[in-house]
């Protein structure tokens, strides 16, 4: 497995569109990302850390700071 995911790869993993991921980047409420020129990539560890931060035990739990 590569250490980097494209938006398409992350979108497939999460069932989200490229546009939805772009909105998450704009709002700052998604995983950290790498931007090289115009290319956006996600480090696998950052995605795993973000997913871990989203684990809840109740529907009204506040998200942890990513």
PDB file of N, CA and C in Angstrom:
ATOM      1  N   UNK A   1       0.851  -1.189   0.000  1.00  0.00           N
ATOM      2  CA  UNK A   1       0.000   0.000   0.000  1.00  0.00           C
ATOM      3  C   UNK A   1       0.890   1.242   0.000  1.00  0.00           C
ATOM      4  N   UNK A   2       0.545   2.191  -0.827  1.00  0.00           N
ATOM      5  CA  UNK A   2       1.267   3.448  -0.860  1.00  0.00           C
ATOM      6  C   UNK A   2       0.980   4.235   0.418  1.00  0.00           C
ATOM      7  N   UNK A   3       1.894   5.117   0.775  1.00  0.00           N
ATOM      8  CA  UNK A   3       1.700   5.953   1.958  1.00  0.00           C
ATOM      9  C   UNK A   3       0.785   7.140   1.682  1.00  0.00           C
ATOM     10  N   UNK A   4       0.373   7.323   0.420  1.00  0.00           N
ATOM     11  CA  UNK A   4      -0.463   8.458   0.038  1.00  0.00           C
ATOM     12  C   UNK A   4      -1.703   7.982  -0.707  1.00  0.00           C
ATOM     13  N   UNK A   5      -2.821   8.673  -0.453  1.00  0.00           N
ATOM     14  CA  UNK A   5      -4.072   8.393  -1.160  1.00  0.00           C
ATOM     15  C   UNK A   5      -4.477   9.618  -1.967  1.00  0.00           C
ATOM     16  N   UNK A   6      -5.005   9.392  -3.140  1.00  0.00           N
ATOM     17  CA  UNK A   6      -5.574  10.480  -3.932  1.00  0.00           C
ATOM     18  C   UNK A   6      -6.978  10.767  -3.400  1.00  0.00           C
ATOM     19  N   UNK A   7      -7.550  11.919  -3.757  1.00  0.00           N
ATOM     20  CA  UNK A   7      -8.948  12.168  -3.384  1.00  0.00           C
ATOM     21  C   UNK A   7      -9.891  11.084  -3.909  1.00  0.00           C
ATOM     22  N   UNK A   8      -9.630  10.566  -5.105  1.00  0.00           N
ATOM     23  CA  UNK A   8     -10.472   9.496  -5.640  1.00  0.00           C
ATOM     24  C   UNK A   8     -10.394   8.247  -4.770  1.00  0.00           C
ATOM     25  N   UNK A   9      -9.185   7.895  -4.320  1.00  0.00           N
ATOM     26  CA  UNK A   9      -9.024   6.712  -3.484  1.00  0.00           C
ATOM     27  C   UNK A   9      -9.699   6.898  -2.118  1.00  0.00           C
ATOM     28  N   UNK A  10      -9.530   8.081  -1.530  1.00  0.00           N
ATOM     29  CA  UNK A  10     -10.173   8.338  -0.243  1.00  0.00           C
ATOM     30  C   UNK A  10     -11.686   8.396  -0.409  1.00  0.00           C
ATOM     31  N   UNK A  11     -12.144   9.014  -1.490  1.00  0.00           N
ATOM     32  CA  UNK A  11     -13.577   9.074  -1.757  1.00  0.00           C
ATOM     33  C   UNK A  11     -14.179   7.687  -1.889  1.00  0.00           C
ATOM     34  N   UNK A  12     -13.475   6.785  -2.544  1.00  0.00           N
ATOM     35  CA  UNK A  12     -13.957   5.410  -2.678  1.00  0.00           C
ATOM     36  C   UNK A  12     -14.001   4.729  -1.311  1.00  0.00           C
ATOM     37  N   UNK A  13     -12.990   4.958  -0.501  1.00  0.00           N
ATOM     38  CA  UNK A  13     -12.940   4.376   0.844  1.00  0.00           C
ATOM     39  C   UNK A  13     -14.120   4.840   1.694  1.00  0.00           C
ATOM     40  N   UNK A  14     -14.451   6.124   1.608  1.00  0.00           N
ATOM     41  CA  UNK A  14     -15.483   6.721   2.454  1.00  0.00           C
ATOM     42  C   UNK A  14     -16.841   6.859   1.771  1.00  0.00           C
ATOM     43  N   UNK A  15     -16.922   6.589   0.475  1.00  0.00           N
ATOM     44  CA  UNK A  15     -18.185   6.774  -0.228  1.00  0.00           C
ATOM     45  C   UNK A  15     -18.524   8.248  -0.401  1.00  0.00           C
ATOM     46  N   UNK A  16     -17.494   9.067  -0.630  1.00  0.00           N
ATOM     47  CA  UNK A  16     -17.689  10.514  -0.809  1.00  0.00           C
ATOM     48  C   UNK A  16     -17.171  10.929  -2.184  1.00  0.00           C
ATOM     49  N   UNK A  17     -17.719  12.012  -2.696  1.00  0.00           N
ATOM     50  CA  UNK A  17     -17.254  12.541  -3.975  1.00  0.00           C
ATOM     51  C   UNK A  17     -16.010  13.395  -3.770  1.00  0.00           C
ATOM     52  N   UNK A  18     -15.330  13.670  -4.880  1.00  0.00           N
ATOM     53  CA  UNK A  18     -14.177  14.589  -4.830  1.00  0.00           C
ATOM     54  C   UNK A  18     -14.622  15.956  -4.316  1.00  0.00           C
ATOM     55  N   UNK A  19     -15.820  16.371  -4.719  1.00  0.00           N
ATOM     56  CA  UNK A  19     -16.334  17.674  -4.298  1.00  0.00           C
ATOM     57  C   UNK A  19     -16.597  17.702  -2.791  1.00  0.00           C
ATOM     58  N   UNK A  20     -17.114  16.611  -2.245  1.00  0.00           N
ATOM     59  CA  UNK A  20     -17.356  16.544  -0.800  1.00  0.00           C
ATOM     60  C   UNK A  20     -16.037  16.634  -0.035  1.00  0.00           C
ATOM     61  N   UNK A  21     -15.008  15.960  -0.530  1.00  0.00           N
ATOM     62  CA  UNK A  21     -13.696  16.034   0.118  1.00  0.00           C
ATOM     63  C   UNK A  21     -13.108  17.437  -0.012  1.00  0.00           C
ATOM     64  N   UNK A  22     -13.326  18.086  -1.159  1.00  0.00           N
ATOM     65  CA  UNK A  22     -12.847  19.465  -1.341  1.00  0.00           C
ATOM     66  C   UNK A  22     -13.518  20.391  -0.329  1.00  0.00           C
ATOM     67  N   UNK A  23     -14.803  20.185  -0.087  1.00  0.00           N
ATOM     68  CA  UNK A  23     -15.511  21.003   0.910  1.00  0.00           C
ATOM     69  C   UNK A  23     -14.960  20.754   2.310  1.00  0.00           C
ATOM     70  N   UNK A  24     -14.631  19.515   2.619  1.00  0.00           N
ATOM     71  CA  UNK A  24     -14.043  19.207   3.925  1.00  0.00           C
ATOM     72  C   UNK A  24     -12.701  19.916   4.081  1.00  0.00           C
ATOM     73  N   UNK A  25     -11.903  19.939   3.007  1.00  0.00           N
ATOM     74  CA  UNK A  25     -10.617  20.659   3.070  1.00  0.00           C
ATOM     75  C   UNK A  25     -10.857  22.145   3.266  1.00  0.00           C
ATOM     76  N   UNK A  26     -11.808  22.701   2.539  1.00  0.00           N
ATOM     77  CA  UNK A  26     -12.116  24.138   2.633  1.00  0.00           C
ATOM     78  C   UNK A  26     -12.551  24.523   4.048  1.00  0.00           C
ATOM     79  N   UNK A  27     -13.424  23.699   4.633  1.00  0.00           N
ATOM     80  CA  UNK A  27     -13.924  23.976   5.985  1.00  0.00           C
ATOM     81  C   UNK A  27     -12.920  23.606   7.074  1.00  0.00           C
ATOM     82  N   UNK A  28     -11.950  22.770   6.730  1.00  0.00           N
ATOM     83  CA  UNK A  28     -10.971  22.333   7.710  1.00  0.00           C
ATOM     84  C   UNK A  28     -11.502  21.276   8.655  1.00  0.00           C
ATOM     85  N   UNK A  29     -12.521  20.532   8.236  1.00  0.00           N
ATOM     86  CA  UNK A  29     -13.088  19.526   9.128  1.00  0.00           C
ATOM     87  C   UNK A  29     -12.860  18.095   8.638  1.00  0.00           C
ATOM     88  N   UNK A  30     -11.829  17.909   7.859  1.00  0.00           N
ATOM     89  CA  UNK A  30     -11.462  16.575   7.378  1.00  0.00           C
ATOM     90  C   UNK A  30     -10.057  16.235   7.814  1.00  0.00           C
ATOM     91  N   UNK A  31      -9.506  15.175   7.253  1.00  0.00           N
ATOM     92  CA  UNK A  31      -8.137  14.800   7.614  1.00  0.00           C
ATOM     93  C   UNK A  31      -7.120  15.786   7.044  1.00  0.00           C
ATOM     94  N   UNK A  32      -5.966  15.818   7.675  1.00  0.00           N
ATOM     95  CA  UNK A  32      -4.871  16.637   7.136  1.00  0.00           C
ATOM     96  C   UNK A  32      -4.531  16.132   5.743  1.00  0.00           C
ATOM     97  N   UNK A  33      -3.979  17.005   4.917  1.00  0.00           N
ATOM     98  CA  UNK A  33      -3.651  16.628   3.548  1.00  0.00           C
ATOM     99  C   UNK A  33      -2.360  17.297   3.120  1.00  0.00           C
ATOM    100  N   UNK A  34      -1.802  16.790   2.048  1.00  0.00           N
ATOM    101  CA  UNK A  34      -0.572  17.321   1.458  1.00  0.00           C
ATOM    102  C   UNK A  34      -0.963  17.963   0.135  1.00  0.00           C
ATOM    103  N   UNK A  35      -0.453  19.159  -0.110  1.00  0.00           N
ATOM    104  CA  UNK A  35      -0.722  19.812  -1.391  1.00  0.00           C
ATOM    105  C   UNK A  35       0.616  20.110  -2.051  1.00  0.00           C
ATOM    106  N   UNK A  36       0.816  19.512  -3.222  1.00  0.00           N
ATOM    107  CA  UNK A  36       2.040  19.713  -4.001  1.00  0.00           C
ATOM    108  C   UNK A  36       1.600  20.291  -5.332  1.00  0.00           C
ATOM    109  N   UNK A  37       1.882  21.569  -5.522  1.00  0.00           N
ATOM    110  CA  UNK A  37       1.357  22.247  -6.704  1.00  0.00           C
ATOM    111  C   UNK A  37      -0.158  22.260  -6.605  1.00  0.00           C
ATOM    112  N   UNK A  38      -0.820  21.720  -7.601  1.00  0.00           N
ATOM    113  CA  UNK A  38      -2.287  21.631  -7.577  1.00  0.00           C
ATOM    114  C   UNK A  38      -2.775  20.262  -7.105  1.00  0.00           C
ATOM    115  N   UNK A  39      -1.846  19.342  -6.884  1.00  0.00           N
ATOM    116  CA  UNK A  39      -2.212  17.987  -6.475  1.00  0.00           C
ATOM    117  C   UNK A  39      -2.467  17.923  -4.980  1.00  0.00           C
ATOM    118  N   UNK A  40      -3.552  17.262  -4.604  1.00  0.00           N
ATOM    119  CA  UNK A  40      -3.899  17.024  -3.207  1.00  0.00           C
ATOM    120  C   UNK A  40      -3.756  15.539  -2.936  1.00  0.00           C
ATOM    121  N   UNK A  41      -3.070  15.222  -1.856  1.00  0.00           N
ATOM    122  CA  UNK A  41      -2.876  13.835  -1.440  1.00  0.00           C
ATOM    123  C   UNK A  41      -3.120  13.727   0.054  1.00  0.00           C
ATOM    124  N   UNK A  42      -3.510  12.554   0.489  1.00  0.00           N
ATOM    125  CA  UNK A  42      -3.749  12.292   1.904  1.00  0.00           C
ATOM    126  C   UNK A  42      -2.785  11.219   2.379  1.00  0.00           C
ATOM    127  N   UNK A  43      -2.062  11.496   3.459  1.00  0.00           N
ATOM    128  CA  UNK A  43      -1.208  10.464   4.044  1.00  0.00           C
ATOM    129  C   UNK A  43      -2.104   9.445   4.737  1.00  0.00           C
ATOM    130  N   UNK A  44      -1.804   8.179   4.536  1.00  0.00           N
ATOM    131  CA  UNK A  44      -2.612   7.113   5.117  1.00  0.00           C
ATOM    132  C   UNK A  44      -2.706   7.283   6.632  1.00  0.00           C
ATOM    133  N   UNK A  45      -1.611   7.602   7.300  1.00  0.00           N
ATOM    134  CA  UNK A  45      -1.646   7.743   8.756  1.00  0.00           C
ATOM    135  C   UNK A  45      -2.571   8.877   9.189  1.00  0.00           C
ATOM    136  N   UNK A  46      -2.595   9.975   8.428  1.00  0.00           N
ATOM    137  CA  UNK A  46      -3.507  11.076   8.755  1.00  0.00           C
ATOM    138  C   UNK A  46      -4.964  10.647   8.596  1.00  0.00           C
ATOM    139  N   UNK A  47      -5.245   9.843   7.579  1.00  0.00           N
ATOM    140  CA  UNK A  47      -6.607   9.339   7.379  1.00  0.00           C
ATOM    141  C   UNK A  47      -6.995   8.418   8.533  1.00  0.00           C
ATOM    142  N   UNK A  48      -6.086   7.526   8.915  1.00  0.00           N
ATOM    143  CA  UNK A  48      -6.366   6.616  10.029  1.00  0.00           C
ATOM    144  C   UNK A  48      -6.568   7.392  11.333  1.00  0.00           C
ATOM    145  N   UNK A  49      -5.733   8.408  11.560  1.00  0.00           N
ATOM    146  CA  UNK A  49      -5.879   9.239  12.765  1.00  0.00           C
ATOM    147  C   UNK A  49      -7.223   9.958  12.769  1.00  0.00           C
ATOM    148  N   UNK A  50      -7.622  10.493  11.610  1.00  0.00           N
ATOM    149  CA  UNK A  50      -8.900  11.189  11.506  1.00  0.00           C
ATOM    150  C   UNK A  50     -10.053  10.221  11.768  1.00  0.00           C
ATOM    151  N   UNK A  51      -9.997   9.051  11.159  1.00  0.00           N
ATOM    152  CA  UNK A  51     -11.053   8.061  11.371  1.00  0.00           C
ATOM    153  C   UNK A  51     -11.152   7.707  12.856  1.00  0.00           C
ATOM    154  N   UNK A  52     -10.022   7.528  13.507  1.00  0.00           N
ATOM    155  CA  UNK A  52     -10.008   7.216  14.941  1.00  0.00           C
ATOM    156  C   UNK A  52     -10.657   8.339  15.743  1.00  0.00           C
ATOM    157  N   UNK A  53     -10.421   9.583  15.341  1.00  0.00           N
ATOM    158  CA  UNK A  53     -10.975  10.728  16.074  1.00  0.00           C
ATOM    159  C   UNK A  53     -12.489  10.846  15.913  1.00  0.00           C
ATOM    160  N   UNK A  54     -13.050  10.121  14.941  1.00  0.00           N
ATOM    161  CA  UNK A  54     -14.479  10.203  14.674  1.00  0.00           C
ATOM    162  C   UNK A  54     -15.289   9.112  15.380  1.00  0.00           C
ATOM    163  N   UNK A  55     -14.620   8.243  16.118  1.00  0.00           N
ATOM    164  CA  UNK A  55     -15.321   7.162  16.820  1.00  0.00           C
ATOM    165  C   UNK A  55     -16.167   7.747  17.942  1.00  0.00           C
ATOM    166  N   UNK A  56     -17.402   7.307  18.033  1.00  0.00           N
ATOM    167  CA  UNK A  56     -18.348   7.809  19.034  1.00  0.00           C
ATOM    168  C   UNK A  56     -18.993   6.637  19.762  1.00  0.00           C
ATOM    169  N   UNK A  57     -19.482   6.901  20.948  1.00  0.00           N
ATOM    170  CA  UNK A  57     -20.282   5.915  21.666  1.00  0.00           C
ATOM    171  C   UNK A  57     -21.744   6.339  21.729  1.00  0.00           C
ATOM    172  N   UNK A  58     -22.004   7.620  21.425  1.00  0.00           N
ATOM    173  CA  UNK A  58     -23.374   8.149  21.412  1.00  0.00           C
ATOM    174  C   UNK A  58     -23.529   9.065  20.211  1.00  0.00           C
ATOM    175  N   UNK A  59     -24.742   9.218  19.738  1.00  0.00           N
ATOM    176  CA  UNK A  59     -24.971  10.077  18.574  1.00  0.00           C
ATOM    177  C   UNK A  59     -24.762  11.549  18.903  1.00  0.00           C
ATOM    178  N   UNK A  60     -24.879  11.937  20.170  1.00  0.00           N
ATOM    179  CA  UNK A  60     -24.695  13.349  20.526  1.00  0.00           C
ATOM    180  C   UNK A  60     -23.292  13.653  21.051  1.00  0.00           C
ATOM    181  N   UNK A  61     -22.360  12.698  20.938  1.00  0.00           N
ATOM    182  CA  UNK A  61     -20.974  12.958  21.315  1.00  0.00           C
ATOM    183  C   UNK A  61     -20.375  14.018  20.393  1.00  0.00           C
ATOM    184  N   UNK A  62     -19.588  14.896  20.967  1.00  0.00           N
ATOM    185  CA  UNK A  62     -18.867  15.882  20.166  1.00  0.00           C
ATOM    186  C   UNK A  62     -17.647  15.235  19.540  1.00  0.00           C
ATOM    187  N   UNK A  63     -17.314  15.604  18.320  1.00  0.00           N
ATOM    188  CA  UNK A  63     -16.116  15.040  17.702  1.00  0.00           C
ATOM    189  C   UNK A  63     -14.860  15.523  18.414  1.00  0.00           C
ATOM    190  N   UNK A  64     -13.863  14.662  18.436  1.00  0.00           N
ATOM    191  CA  UNK A  64     -12.557  15.060  18.947  1.00  0.00           C
ATOM    192  C   UNK A  64     -11.927  15.996  17.934  1.00  0.00           C
ATOM    193  N   UNK A  65     -11.023  16.823  18.366  1.00  0.00           N
ATOM    194  CA  UNK A  65     -10.327  17.734  17.451  1.00  0.00           C
ATOM    195  C   UNK A  65      -9.359  16.908  16.635  1.00  0.00           C
ATOM    196  N   UNK A  66      -9.475  17.030  15.301  1.00  0.00           N
ATOM    197  CA  UNK A  66      -8.625  16.240  14.402  1.00  0.00           C
ATOM    198  C   UNK A  66      -7.265  16.884  14.247  1.00  0.00           C
TER     199      UNK A  66
END
